[in-house]
C-alpha atoms as a PDB file:
ATOM      1  CA  MET A   1     -43.239-139.543  74.576  1.00  0.00           C
ATOM      2  CA  ILE A   2     -42.071-138.213  71.304  1.00  0.00           C
ATOM      3  CA  LEU A   3     -42.405-139.706  67.885  1.00  0.00           C
ATOM      4  CA  PHE A   4     -41.247-137.923  64.804  1.00  0.00           C
ATOM      5  CA  PHE A   5     -42.738-138.757  61.444  1.00  0.00           C
ATOM      6  CA  MET A   6     -43.470-137.694  57.930  1.00  0.00           C
ATOM      7  CA  LEU A   7     -45.147-140.245  55.692  1.00  0.00           C
ATOM      8  CA  GLY A   8     -43.186-143.413  55.155  1.00  0.00           C
ATOM      9  CA  MET A   9     -40.631-145.549  56.913  1.00  0.00           C
ATOM     10  CA  SER A  10     -38.282-144.822  59.763  1.00  0.00           C
ATOM     11  CA  VAL A  11     -34.626-144.005  59.684  1.00  0.00           C
ATOM     12  CA  GLY A  12     -32.235-144.284  62.601  1.00  0.00           C
ATOM     13  CA  CYS A  13     -31.413-141.357  64.857  1.00  0.00           C
ATOM     14  CA  SER A  14     -30.603-140.842  68.473  1.00  0.00           C
ATOM     15  CA  PRO A  15     -33.661-141.092  70.751  1.00  0.00           C
ATOM     16  CA  THR A  16     -33.641-137.425  71.717  1.00  0.00           C
ATOM     17  CA  GLU A  17     -33.150-135.949  68.251  1.00  0.00           C
ATOM     18  CA  PRO A  18     -36.132-135.363  66.020  1.00  0.00           C
ATOM     19  CA  TYR A  19     -36.087-137.518  62.984  1.00  0.00           C
ATOM     20  CA  LEU A  20     -38.305-137.552  59.990  1.00  0.00           C
ATOM     21  CA  ILE A  21     -39.342-140.696  58.365  1.00  0.00           C
ATOM     22  CA  GLY A  22     -40.203-140.357  54.831  1.00  0.00           C
ATOM     23  CA  HIS A  23     -39.728-141.588  51.433  1.00  0.00           C
ATOM     24  CA  PHE A  24     -36.536-140.131  50.136  1.00  0.00           C
ATOM     25  CA  ASP A  25     -38.366-139.305  46.942  1.00  0.00           C
ATOM     26  CA  PRO A  26     -38.666-135.489  46.797  1.00  0.00           C
ATOM     27  CA  ALA A  27     -42.034-135.715  45.026  1.00  0.00           C
ATOM     28  CA  GLU A  28     -43.421-137.886  47.844  1.00  0.00           C
ATOM     29  CA  GLN A  29     -42.062-135.485  50.442  1.00  0.00           C
ATOM     30  CA  GLU A  30     -43.751-132.600  48.628  1.00  0.00           C
ATOM     31  CA  ARG A  31     -47.089-134.478  48.532  1.00  0.00           C
ATOM     32  CA  SER A  32     -46.756-135.227  52.244  1.00  0.00           C
ATOM     33  CA  GLN A  33     -46.070-131.585  53.043  1.00  0.00           C
ATOM     34  CA  GLN A  34     -49.021-130.442  50.916  1.00  0.00           C
ATOM     35  CA  ALA A  35     -51.325-132.957  52.638  1.00  0.00           C
ATOM     36  CA  ARG A  36     -50.259-131.687  56.085  1.00  0.00           C
ATOM     37  CA  GLN A  37     -50.764-128.062  55.037  1.00  0.00           C
ATOM     38  CA  ALA A  38     -54.210-128.863  53.602  1.00  0.00           C
ATOM     39  CA  TYR A  39     -55.190-130.665  56.823  1.00  0.00           C
ATOM     40  CA  VAL A  40     -54.182-127.687  58.945  1.00  0.00           C
ATOM     41  CA  ARG A  41     -56.107-125.287  56.675  1.00  0.00           C
ATOM     42  CA  ALA A  42     -59.181-127.525  56.871  1.00  0.00           C
ATOM     43  CA  HIS A  43     -59.000-127.629  60.700  1.00  0.00           C
ATOM     44  CA  PRO A  44     -58.628-123.978  61.800  1.00  0.00           C
ATOM     45  CA  THR A  45     -59.590-124.801  65.404  1.00  0.00           C
ATOM     46  CA  LEU A  46     -56.439-126.871  66.034  1.00  0.00           C
ATOM     47  CA  ASP A  47     -54.428-125.551  68.945  1.00  0.00           C
ATOM     48  CA  GLU A  48     -51.139-123.933  67.949  1.00  0.00           C
ATOM     49  CA  ARG A  49     -48.930-126.732  69.312  1.00  0.00           C
ATOM     50  CA  THR A  50     -50.828-129.470  67.437  1.00  0.00           C
ATOM     51  CA  ARG A  51     -50.890-127.353  64.288  1.00  0.00           C
ATOM     52  CA  LEU A  52     -47.106-126.965  64.372  1.00  0.00           C
ATOM     53  CA  LEU A  53     -46.522-130.646  65.163  1.00  0.00           C
ATOM     54  CA  ILE A  54     -48.620-131.659  62.157  1.00  0.00           C
ATOM     55  CA  LEU A  55     -46.847-129.192  59.877  1.00  0.00           C
ATOM     56  CA  ASP A  56     -43.513-130.595  61.115  1.00  0.00           C
ATOM     57  CA  GLY A  57     -44.682-134.180  60.552  1.00  0.00           C
ATOM     58  CA  VAL A  58     -44.462-135.102  64.247  1.00  0.00           C
ATOM     59  CA  ILE A  59     -46.723-137.685  65.918  1.00  0.00           C
ATOM     60  CA  ASP A  60     -47.453-137.237  69.606  1.00  0.00           C
ATOM     61  CA  VAL A  61     -49.642-138.723  72.329  1.00  0.00           C
ATOM     62  CA  GLY A  62     -53.101-137.165  72.269  1.00  0.00           C
ATOM     63  CA  MET A  63     -53.376-136.988  68.486  1.00  0.00           C
ATOM     64  CA  SER A  64     -56.435-138.445  66.773  1.00  0.00           C
ATOM     65  CA  LYS A  65     -56.409-141.532  64.570  1.00  0.00           C
ATOM     66  CA  GLU A  66     -56.954-139.251  61.580  1.00  0.00           C
ATOM     67  CA  GLN A  67     -53.875-137.198  62.455  1.00  0.00           C
ATOM     68  CA  VAL A  68     -51.689-140.281  63.007  1.00  0.00           C
ATOM     69  CA  GLU A  69     -52.794-141.754  59.688  1.00  0.00           C
ATOM     70  CA  LEU A  70     -52.084-138.442  57.958  1.00  0.00           C
ATOM     71  CA  LEU A  71     -48.527-138.478  59.315  1.00  0.00           C
ATOM     72  CA  ALA A  72     -47.669-142.185  59.281  1.00  0.00           C
ATOM     73  CA  GLY A  73     -49.914-143.556  56.553  1.00  0.00           C
ATOM     74  CA  ARG A  74     -52.188-146.556  56.807  1.00  0.00           C
ATOM     75  CA  PRO A  75     -51.104-149.169  59.346  1.00  0.00           C
ATOM     76  CA  LEU A  76     -49.987-152.584  58.168  1.00  0.00           C
ATOM     77  CA  HIS A  77     -52.187-154.270  60.816  1.00  0.00           C
ATOM     78  CA  VAL A  78     -54.884-153.100  63.228  1.00  0.00           C
ATOM     79  CA  LEU A  79     -55.643-155.172  66.330  1.00  0.00           C
ATOM     80  CA  ARG A  80     -58.685-154.624  68.504  1.00  0.00           C
ATOM     81  CA  ASN A  81     -59.567-156.016  71.952  1.00  0.00           C
ATOM     82  CA  ASN A  82     -57.462-158.332  74.112  1.00  0.00           C
ATOM     83  CA  LEU A  83     -54.560-155.897  74.186  1.00  0.00           C
ATOM     84  CA  LYS A  84     -51.996-155.962  77.001  1.00  0.00           C
ATOM     85  CA  ARG A  85     -52.257-152.219  77.509  1.00  0.00           C
ATOM     86  CA  ALA A  86     -55.395-150.348  78.479  1.00  0.00           C
ATOM     87  CA  ALA A  87     -56.131-149.517  74.864  1.00  0.00           C
ATOM     88  CA  ASP A  88     -58.934-150.308  72.451  1.00  0.00           C
ATOM     89  CA  GLU A  89     -56.811-150.557  69.355  1.00  0.00           C
ATOM     90  CA  LEU A  90     -53.228-151.153  68.260  1.00  0.00           C
ATOM     91  CA  TRP A  91     -51.832-149.984  64.925  1.00  0.00           C
ATOM     92  CA  PHE A  92     -48.719-151.732  63.664  1.00  0.00           C
ATOM     93  CA  TYR A  93     -46.243-150.354  61.116  1.00  0.00           C
ATOM     94  CA  ARG A  94     -43.185-152.154  59.780  1.00  0.00           C
ATOM     95  CA  GLY A  95     -40.263-150.117  58.571  1.00  0.00           C
ATOM     96  CA  PRO A  96     -36.891-151.136  57.180  1.00  0.00           C
ATOM     97  CA  GLN A  97     -35.188-150.687  60.562  1.00  0.00           C
ATOM     98  CA  THR A  98     -37.971-150.535  63.171  1.00  0.00           C
ATOM     99  CA  ASN A  99     -41.448-151.712  64.010  1.00  0.00           C
ATOM    100  CA  ASP A 100     -43.811-149.031  65.270  1.00  0.00           C
ATOM    101  CA  TYR A 101     -46.816-149.644  67.547  1.00  0.00           C
ATOM    102  CA  TYR A 102     -49.507-147.030  68.248  1.00  0.00           C
ATOM    103  CA  TYR A 103     -52.064-147.668  70.996  1.00  0.00           C
ATOM    104  CA  PHE A 104     -55.400-145.853  70.917  1.00  0.00           C
ATOM    105  CA  THR A 105     -58.158-145.456  73.464  1.00  0.00           C
ATOM    106  CA  GLY A 106     -61.208-144.268  71.617  1.00  0.00           C
ATOM    107  CA  ASP A 107     -59.954-141.871  68.963  1.00  0.00           C
ATOM    108  CA  ARG A 108     -56.820-140.732  70.832  1.00  0.00           C
ATOM    109  CA  LEU A 109     -53.240-141.972  70.741  1.00  0.00           C
ATOM    110  CA  THR A 110     -52.393-142.946  74.318  1.00  0.00           C
ATOM    111  CA  HIS A 111     -49.066-144.738  73.946  1.00  0.00           C
ATOM    112  CA  ALA A 112     -46.506-145.552  71.298  1.00  0.00           C
ATOM    113  CA  GLU A 113     -43.577-147.897  70.979  1.00  0.00           C
ATOM    114  CA  ASN A 114     -41.138-147.103  68.246  1.00  0.00           C
ATOM    115  CA  GLY A 115     -37.781-148.672  67.439  1.00  0.00           C
ATOM    116  CA  GLY A 116     -35.611-146.240  69.344  1.00  0.00           C
ATOM    117  CA  SER A 117     -37.346-142.963  68.545  1.00  0.00           C
ATOM    118  CA  LEU A 118     -39.064-142.466  71.885  1.00  0.00           C
ATOM    119  CA  SER A 119     -37.639-139.675  73.953  1.00  0.00           C
ATOM    120  CA  SER A 120     -37.269-139.635  77.693  1.00  0.00           C
ATOM    121  CA  GLU A 121     -37.797-135.885  77.669  1.00  0.00           C
ATOM    122  CA  GLY A 122     -41.594-135.911  77.634  1.00  0.00           C
ATOM    123  CA  TYR A 123     -44.013-134.675  75.044  1.00  0.00           C
ATOM    124  CA  ALA A 124     -43.045-133.457  71.620  1.00  0.00           C
ATOM    125  CA  GLU A 125     -42.399-129.835  70.910  1.00  0.00           C
ATOM    126  CA  PRO A 126     -42.705-128.280  67.484  1.00  0.00           C
ATOM    127  CA  LYS A 127     -39.432-127.632  65.692  1.00  0.00           C
ATOM    128  CA  ARG A 128     -40.437-124.079  64.780  1.00  0.00           C
END
């Protein structure tokens, strides 16, 4: 499953095209980019694929809670226990056009539901 994000709220795109959510404020986009670059520098043991996904602002299954929060910001709500899926935790985000749901088992993202941005093509690939 593919989810494409920068910090902020979602914008509409076709399900197979990468899309970036973000504040349309250039200063906010610059801060987001700097935060992603700093994270990658601080974590030199990241595998190349994950490093590129983070630099591109792309969320993907297998990422840690820290990485998802870096890319999507703090969730609006966090639910624990009694979830329909085999997950320990659900993070909920509300955007202007979509609601995004991220399911975690332990520290890892195991499933996501996003208003139309999931791809049927499998896991995300870096744009570079």
